[in-house]
PDB file of N, CA and C in Angstrom:
ATOM      1  N   UNK A   1     -86.507 -35.721  30.353  1.00  0.00           N
ATOM      2  CA  UNK A   1     -85.841 -35.967  31.595  1.00  0.00           C
ATOM      3  C   UNK A   1     -85.149 -37.339  31.355  1.00  0.00           C
ATOM      4  N   UNK A   2     -85.704 -38.246  30.684  1.00  0.00           N
ATOM      5  CA  UNK A   2     -85.122 -39.556  30.362  1.00  0.00           C
ATOM      6  C   UNK A   2     -83.924 -39.462  29.511  1.00  0.00           C
ATOM      7  N   UNK A   3     -83.898 -38.582  28.633  1.00  0.00           N
ATOM      8  CA  UNK A   3     -82.693 -38.381  27.897  1.00  0.00           C
ATOM      9  C   UNK A   3     -81.406 -38.019  28.651  1.00  0.00           C
ATOM     10  N   UNK A   4     -81.553 -37.187  29.722  1.00  0.00           N
ATOM     11  CA  UNK A   4     -80.539 -36.855  30.687  1.00  0.00           C
ATOM     12  C   UNK A   4     -79.981 -38.152  31.445  1.00  0.00           C
ATOM     13  N   UNK A   5     -80.982 -39.069  31.750  1.00  0.00           N
ATOM     14  CA  UNK A   5     -80.663 -40.231  32.473  1.00  0.00           C
ATOM     15  C   UNK A   5     -79.802 -41.047  31.500  1.00  0.00           C
ATOM     16  N   UNK A   6     -79.964 -41.006  30.164  1.00  0.00           N
ATOM     17  CA  UNK A   6     -79.133 -41.797  29.371  1.00  0.00           C
ATOM     18  C   UNK A   6     -77.808 -41.273  29.068  1.00  0.00           C
ATOM     19  N   UNK A   7     -77.904 -39.870  28.745  1.00  0.00           N
ATOM     20  CA  UNK A   7     -76.735 -39.211  28.312  1.00  0.00           C
ATOM     21  C   UNK A   7     -75.617 -39.029  29.371  1.00  0.00           C
ATOM     22  N   UNK A   8     -76.165 -38.621  30.643  1.00  0.00           N
ATOM     23  CA  UNK A   8     -75.081 -38.359  31.634  1.00  0.00           C
ATOM     24  C   UNK A   8     -74.246 -39.500  32.031  1.00  0.00           C
ATOM     25  N   UNK A   9     -74.840 -40.829  32.164  1.00  0.00           N
ATOM     26  CA  UNK A   9     -73.795 -41.972  32.382  1.00  0.00           C
ATOM     27  C   UNK A   9     -72.747 -42.044  31.200  1.00  0.00           C
ATOM     28  N   UNK A  10     -73.264 -41.979  30.002  1.00  0.00           N
ATOM     29  CA  UNK A  10     -72.490 -42.088  28.823  1.00  0.00           C
ATOM     30  C   UNK A  10     -71.334 -41.054  28.843  1.00  0.00           C
ATOM     31  N   UNK A  11     -71.714 -39.866  29.214  1.00  0.00           N
ATOM     32  CA  UNK A  11     -70.658 -38.690  29.400  1.00  0.00           C
ATOM     33  C   UNK A  11     -69.595 -39.023  30.428  1.00  0.00           C
ATOM     34  N   UNK A  12     -70.175 -39.492  31.653  1.00  0.00           N
ATOM     35  CA  UNK A  12     -69.336 -39.842  32.651  1.00  0.00           C
ATOM     36  C   UNK A  12     -68.255 -41.012  32.317  1.00  0.00           C
ATOM     37  N   UNK A  13     -68.860 -42.036  31.562  1.00  0.00           N
ATOM     38  CA  UNK A  13     -67.918 -43.036  31.016  1.00  0.00           C
ATOM     39  C   UNK A  13     -66.919 -42.446  30.071  1.00  0.00           C
ATOM     40  N   UNK A  14     -67.269 -41.545  29.046  1.00  0.00           N
ATOM     41  CA  UNK A  14     -66.407 -41.046  28.220  1.00  0.00           C
ATOM     42  C   UNK A  14     -65.378 -40.238  29.003  1.00  0.00           C
ATOM     43  N   UNK A  15     -65.612 -39.415  30.003  1.00  0.00           N
ATOM     44  CA  UNK A  15     -64.622 -38.839  30.664  1.00  0.00           C
ATOM     45  C   UNK A  15     -63.741 -39.751  31.439  1.00  0.00           C
ATOM     46  N   UNK A  16     -64.182 -40.795  31.997  1.00  0.00           N
ATOM     47  CA  UNK A  16     -63.362 -41.781  32.605  1.00  0.00           C
ATOM     48  C   UNK A  16     -62.421 -42.535  31.686  1.00  0.00           C
ATOM     49  N   UNK A  17     -62.956 -42.858  30.465  1.00  0.00           N
ATOM     50  CA  UNK A  17     -62.051 -43.501  29.531  1.00  0.00           C
ATOM     51  C   UNK A  17     -60.993 -42.516  29.062  1.00  0.00           C
ATOM     52  N   UNK A  18     -61.255 -41.319  28.923  1.00  0.00           N
ATOM     53  CA  UNK A  18     -60.248 -40.173  28.522  1.00  0.00           C
ATOM     54  C   UNK A  18     -59.332 -40.036  29.556  1.00  0.00           C
ATOM     55  N   UNK A  19     -59.628 -39.995  30.934  1.00  0.00           N
ATOM     56  CA  UNK A  19     -58.745 -39.834  32.106  1.00  0.00           C
ATOM     57  C   UNK A  19     -57.683 -41.182  31.983  1.00  0.00           C
ATOM     58  N   UNK A  20     -58.179 -42.326  31.652  1.00  0.00           N
ATOM     59  CA  UNK A  20     -57.475 -43.541  31.632  1.00  0.00           C
ATOM     60  C   UNK A  20     -56.413 -43.375  30.591  1.00  0.00           C
ATOM     61  N   UNK A  21     -56.812 -42.971  29.455  1.00  0.00           N
ATOM     62  CA  UNK A  21     -56.056 -42.974  28.223  1.00  0.00           C
ATOM     63  C   UNK A  21     -54.946 -41.679  28.442  1.00  0.00           C
ATOM     64  N   UNK A  22     -55.176 -40.725  28.967  1.00  0.00           N
ATOM     65  CA  UNK A  22     -54.336 -39.486  29.151  1.00  0.00           C
ATOM     66  C   UNK A  22     -53.402 -39.549  30.266  1.00  0.00           C
ATOM     67  N   UNK A  23     -53.949 -40.046  31.294  1.00  0.00           N
ATOM     68  CA  UNK A  23     -53.221 -39.930  32.578  1.00  0.00           C
ATOM     69  C   UNK A  23     -52.436 -41.169  33.057  1.00  0.00           C
ATOM     70  N   UNK A  24     -52.530 -42.203  32.317  1.00  0.00           N
ATOM     71  CA  UNK A  24     -51.646 -43.552  32.629  1.00  0.00           C
ATOM     72  C   UNK A  24     -50.393 -43.605  32.101  1.00  0.00           C
ATOM     73  N   UNK A  25     -49.912 -42.863  31.133  1.00  0.00           N
ATOM     74  CA  UNK A  25     -48.429 -43.008  30.788  1.00  0.00           C
ATOM     75  C   UNK A  25     -47.518 -42.758  32.009  1.00  0.00           C
ATOM     76  N   UNK A  26     -46.384 -43.292  32.298  1.00  0.00           N
ATOM     77  CA  UNK A  26     -45.524 -43.117  33.405  1.00  0.00           C
ATOM     78  C   UNK A  26     -45.105 -41.593  33.554  1.00  0.00           C
ATOM     79  N   UNK A  27     -44.804 -40.977  32.621  1.00  0.00           N
ATOM     80  CA  UNK A  27     -44.261 -39.584  32.655  1.00  0.00           C
ATOM     81  C   UNK A  27     -45.452 -38.678  33.146  1.00  0.00           C
ATOM     82  N   UNK A  28     -46.648 -38.833  32.676  1.00  0.00           N
ATOM     83  CA  UNK A  28     -47.757 -38.061  33.068  1.00  0.00           C
ATOM     84  C   UNK A  28     -48.142 -38.459  34.613  1.00  0.00           C
ATOM     85  N   UNK A  29     -48.094 -39.676  34.935  1.00  0.00           N
ATOM     86  CA  UNK A  29     -48.367 -40.119  36.197  1.00  0.00           C
ATOM     87  C   UNK A  29     -47.543 -39.478  37.312  1.00  0.00           C
ATOM     88  N   UNK A  30     -46.205 -39.506  37.010  1.00  0.00           N
ATOM     89  CA  UNK A  30     -45.226 -38.946  37.790  1.00  0.00           C
ATOM     90  C   UNK A  30     -45.352 -37.441  38.084  1.00  0.00           C
ATOM     91  N   UNK A  31     -45.604 -36.786  36.940  1.00  0.00           N
ATOM     92  CA  UNK A  31     -45.814 -35.304  36.990  1.00  0.00           C
ATOM     93  C   UNK A  31     -46.962 -34.981  37.863  1.00  0.00           C
ATOM     94  N   UNK A  32     -48.062 -35.666  37.633  1.00  0.00           N
ATOM     95  CA  UNK A  32     -49.256 -35.360  38.317  1.00  0.00           C
ATOM     96  C   UNK A  32     -48.959 -35.659  39.811  1.00  0.00           C
ATOM     97  N   UNK A  33     -48.328 -36.712  40.089  1.00  0.00           N
ATOM     98  CA  UNK A  33     -48.067 -37.131  41.584  1.00  0.00           C
ATOM     99  C   UNK A  33     -47.241 -35.981  42.309  1.00  0.00           C
ATOM    100  N   UNK A  34     -46.405 -35.405  41.469  1.00  0.00           N
ATOM    101  CA  UNK A  34     -45.613 -34.344  42.140  1.00  0.00           C
ATOM    102  C   UNK A  34     -46.161 -32.983  42.338  1.00  0.00           C
ATOM    103  N   UNK A  35     -47.079 -32.766  41.382  1.00  0.00           N
ATOM    104  CA  UNK A  35     -47.581 -31.407  41.191  1.00  0.00           C
ATOM    105  C   UNK A  35     -49.129 -31.363  41.414  1.00  0.00           C
ATOM    106  N   UNK A  36     -49.545 -32.415  42.082  1.00  0.00           N
ATOM    107  CA  UNK A  36     -51.183 -32.387  42.219  1.00  0.00           C
ATOM    108  C   UNK A  36     -51.691 -31.247  43.155  1.00  0.00           C
ATOM    109  N   UNK A  37     -50.933 -30.903  44.114  1.00  0.00           N
ATOM    110  CA  UNK A  37     -51.446 -29.867  45.039  1.00  0.00           C
ATOM    111  C   UNK A  37     -51.439 -28.683  44.330  1.00  0.00           C
ATOM    112  N   UNK A  38     -50.456 -28.258  43.455  1.00  0.00           N
ATOM    113  CA  UNK A  38     -50.567 -27.060  42.650  1.00  0.00           C
ATOM    114  C   UNK A  38     -51.527 -26.997  41.663  1.00  0.00           C
ATOM    115  N   UNK A  39     -51.775 -28.045  41.022  1.00  0.00           N
ATOM    116  CA  UNK A  39     -52.859 -28.051  39.871  1.00  0.00           C
ATOM    117  C   UNK A  39     -54.262 -28.121  40.375  1.00  0.00           C
ATOM    118  N   UNK A  40     -54.561 -28.724  41.502  1.00  0.00           N
ATOM    119  CA  UNK A  40     -55.891 -29.079  41.962  1.00  0.00           C
ATOM    120  C   UNK A  40     -56.583 -27.892  42.351  1.00  0.00           C
ATOM    121  N   UNK A  41     -55.997 -27.037  43.295  1.00  0.00           N
ATOM    122  CA  UNK A  41     -56.483 -25.818  43.858  1.00  0.00           C
ATOM    123  C   UNK A  41     -57.018 -24.808  42.760  1.00  0.00           C
ATOM    124  N   UNK A  42     -56.159 -24.531  41.758  1.00  0.00           N
ATOM    125  CA  UNK A  42     -56.774 -23.525  40.733  1.00  0.00           C
ATOM    126  C   UNK A  42     -57.759 -24.184  39.950  1.00  0.00           C
ATOM    127  N   UNK A  43     -57.874 -25.497  39.622  1.00  0.00           N
ATOM    128  CA  UNK A  43     -58.772 -26.103  38.817  1.00  0.00           C
ATOM    129  C   UNK A  43     -60.197 -26.190  39.631  1.00  0.00           C
ATOM    130  N   UNK A  44     -60.106 -26.368  40.822  1.00  0.00           N
ATOM    131  CA  UNK A  44     -61.457 -26.380  41.654  1.00  0.00           C
ATOM    132  C   UNK A  44     -61.908 -25.024  41.774  1.00  0.00           C
ATOM    133  N   UNK A  45     -60.971 -23.992  41.963  1.00  0.00           N
ATOM    134  CA  UNK A  45     -61.450 -22.623  42.049  1.00  0.00           C
ATOM    135  C   UNK A  45     -62.065 -22.182  40.773  1.00  0.00           C
ATOM    136  N   UNK A  46     -61.557 -22.461  39.532  1.00  0.00           N
ATOM    137  CA  UNK A  46     -62.048 -22.005  38.338  1.00  0.00           C
ATOM    138  C   UNK A  46     -63.351 -22.809  38.098  1.00  0.00           C
ATOM    139  N   UNK A  47     -63.521 -23.989  38.410  1.00  0.00           N
ATOM    140  CA  UNK A  47     -64.782 -24.791  38.214  1.00  0.00           C
ATOM    141  C   UNK A  47     -65.953 -24.088  39.156  1.00  0.00           C
ATOM    142  N   UNK A  48     -65.527 -23.979  40.435  1.00  0.00           N
ATOM    143  CA  UNK A  48     -66.404 -23.119  41.414  1.00  0.00           C
ATOM    144  C   UNK A  48     -66.801 -21.762  40.851  1.00  0.00           C
ATOM    145  N   UNK A  49     -66.004 -20.841  40.301  1.00  0.00           N
ATOM    146  CA  UNK A  49     -66.224 -19.731  39.715  1.00  0.00           C
ATOM    147  C   UNK A  49     -67.189 -19.744  38.501  1.00  0.00           C
ATOM    148  N   UNK A  50     -66.986 -20.643  37.674  1.00  0.00           N
ATOM    149  CA  UNK A  50     -67.729 -20.932  36.575  1.00  0.00           C
ATOM    150  C   UNK A  50     -69.131 -21.311  36.830  1.00  0.00           C
ATOM    151  N   UNK A  51     -69.335 -22.112  37.970  1.00  0.00           N
ATOM    152  CA  UNK A  51     -70.634 -22.403  38.408  1.00  0.00           C
ATOM    153  C   UNK A  51     -71.394 -21.387  38.965  1.00  0.00           C
ATOM    154  N   UNK A  52     -70.762 -20.611  39.862  1.00  0.00           N
ATOM    155  CA  UNK A  52     -71.334 -19.370  40.373  1.00  0.00           C
ATOM    156  C   UNK A  52     -71.765 -18.261  39.348  1.00  0.00           C
ATOM    157  N   UNK A  53     -70.891 -17.895  38.559  1.00  0.00           N
ATOM    158  CA  UNK A  53     -71.004 -16.854  37.549  1.00  0.00           C
ATOM    159  C   UNK A  53     -72.193 -17.369  36.480  1.00  0.00           C
ATOM    160  N   UNK A  54     -72.037 -18.718  36.155  1.00  0.00           N
ATOM    161  CA  UNK A  54     -73.025 -19.146  35.091  1.00  0.00           C
ATOM    162  C   UNK A  54     -74.315 -19.357  35.679  1.00  0.00           C
ATOM    163  N   UNK A  55     -74.428 -19.685  36.901  1.00  0.00           N
ATOM    164  CA  UNK A  55     -75.674 -19.831  37.593  1.00  0.00           C
ATOM    165  C   UNK A  55     -76.316 -18.655  37.838  1.00  0.00           C
ATOM    166  N   UNK A  56     -75.731 -17.446  37.690  1.00  0.00           N
ATOM    167  CA  UNK A  56     -76.464 -16.314  37.804  1.00  0.00           C
ATOM    168  C   UNK A  56     -76.522 -15.742  39.235  1.00  0.00           C
ATOM    169  N   UNK A  57     -75.717 -16.317  40.128  1.00  0.00           N
ATOM    170  CA  UNK A  57     -75.843 -15.867  41.547  1.00  0.00           C
ATOM    171  C   UNK A  57     -74.906 -14.856  41.777  1.00  0.00           C
ATOM    172  N   UNK A  58     -73.922 -14.491  40.875  1.00  0.00           N
ATOM    173  CA  UNK A  58     -72.952 -13.471  41.080  1.00  0.00           C
ATOM    174  C   UNK A  58     -72.752 -12.743  39.651  1.00  0.00           C
ATOM    175  N   UNK A  59     -73.023 -11.462  39.451  1.00  0.00           N
ATOM    176  CA  UNK A  59     -72.794 -10.798  38.329  1.00  0.00           C
ATOM    177  C   UNK A  59     -71.582  -9.933  38.298  1.00  0.00           C
ATOM    178  N   UNK A  60     -70.720 -10.137  37.228  1.00  0.00           N
ATOM    179  CA  UNK A  60     -69.645  -9.084  37.093  1.00  0.00           C
ATOM    180  C   UNK A  60     -69.950  -7.932  36.409  1.00  0.00           C
TER     181      UNK A  60
END
């Protein structure tokens, strides 16, 4: 369990740095600002379906 306590914050930090690197150029920032509502709904739906299916609570 202590391994998770070390690896999880490192992984979160890596995702944060990746976001800062990829999402801060002005072209990307403007595109995300204009299309955020279109991109966010499918992304959240996909993540939710992945959790439900992978968790075994819904079988296809």
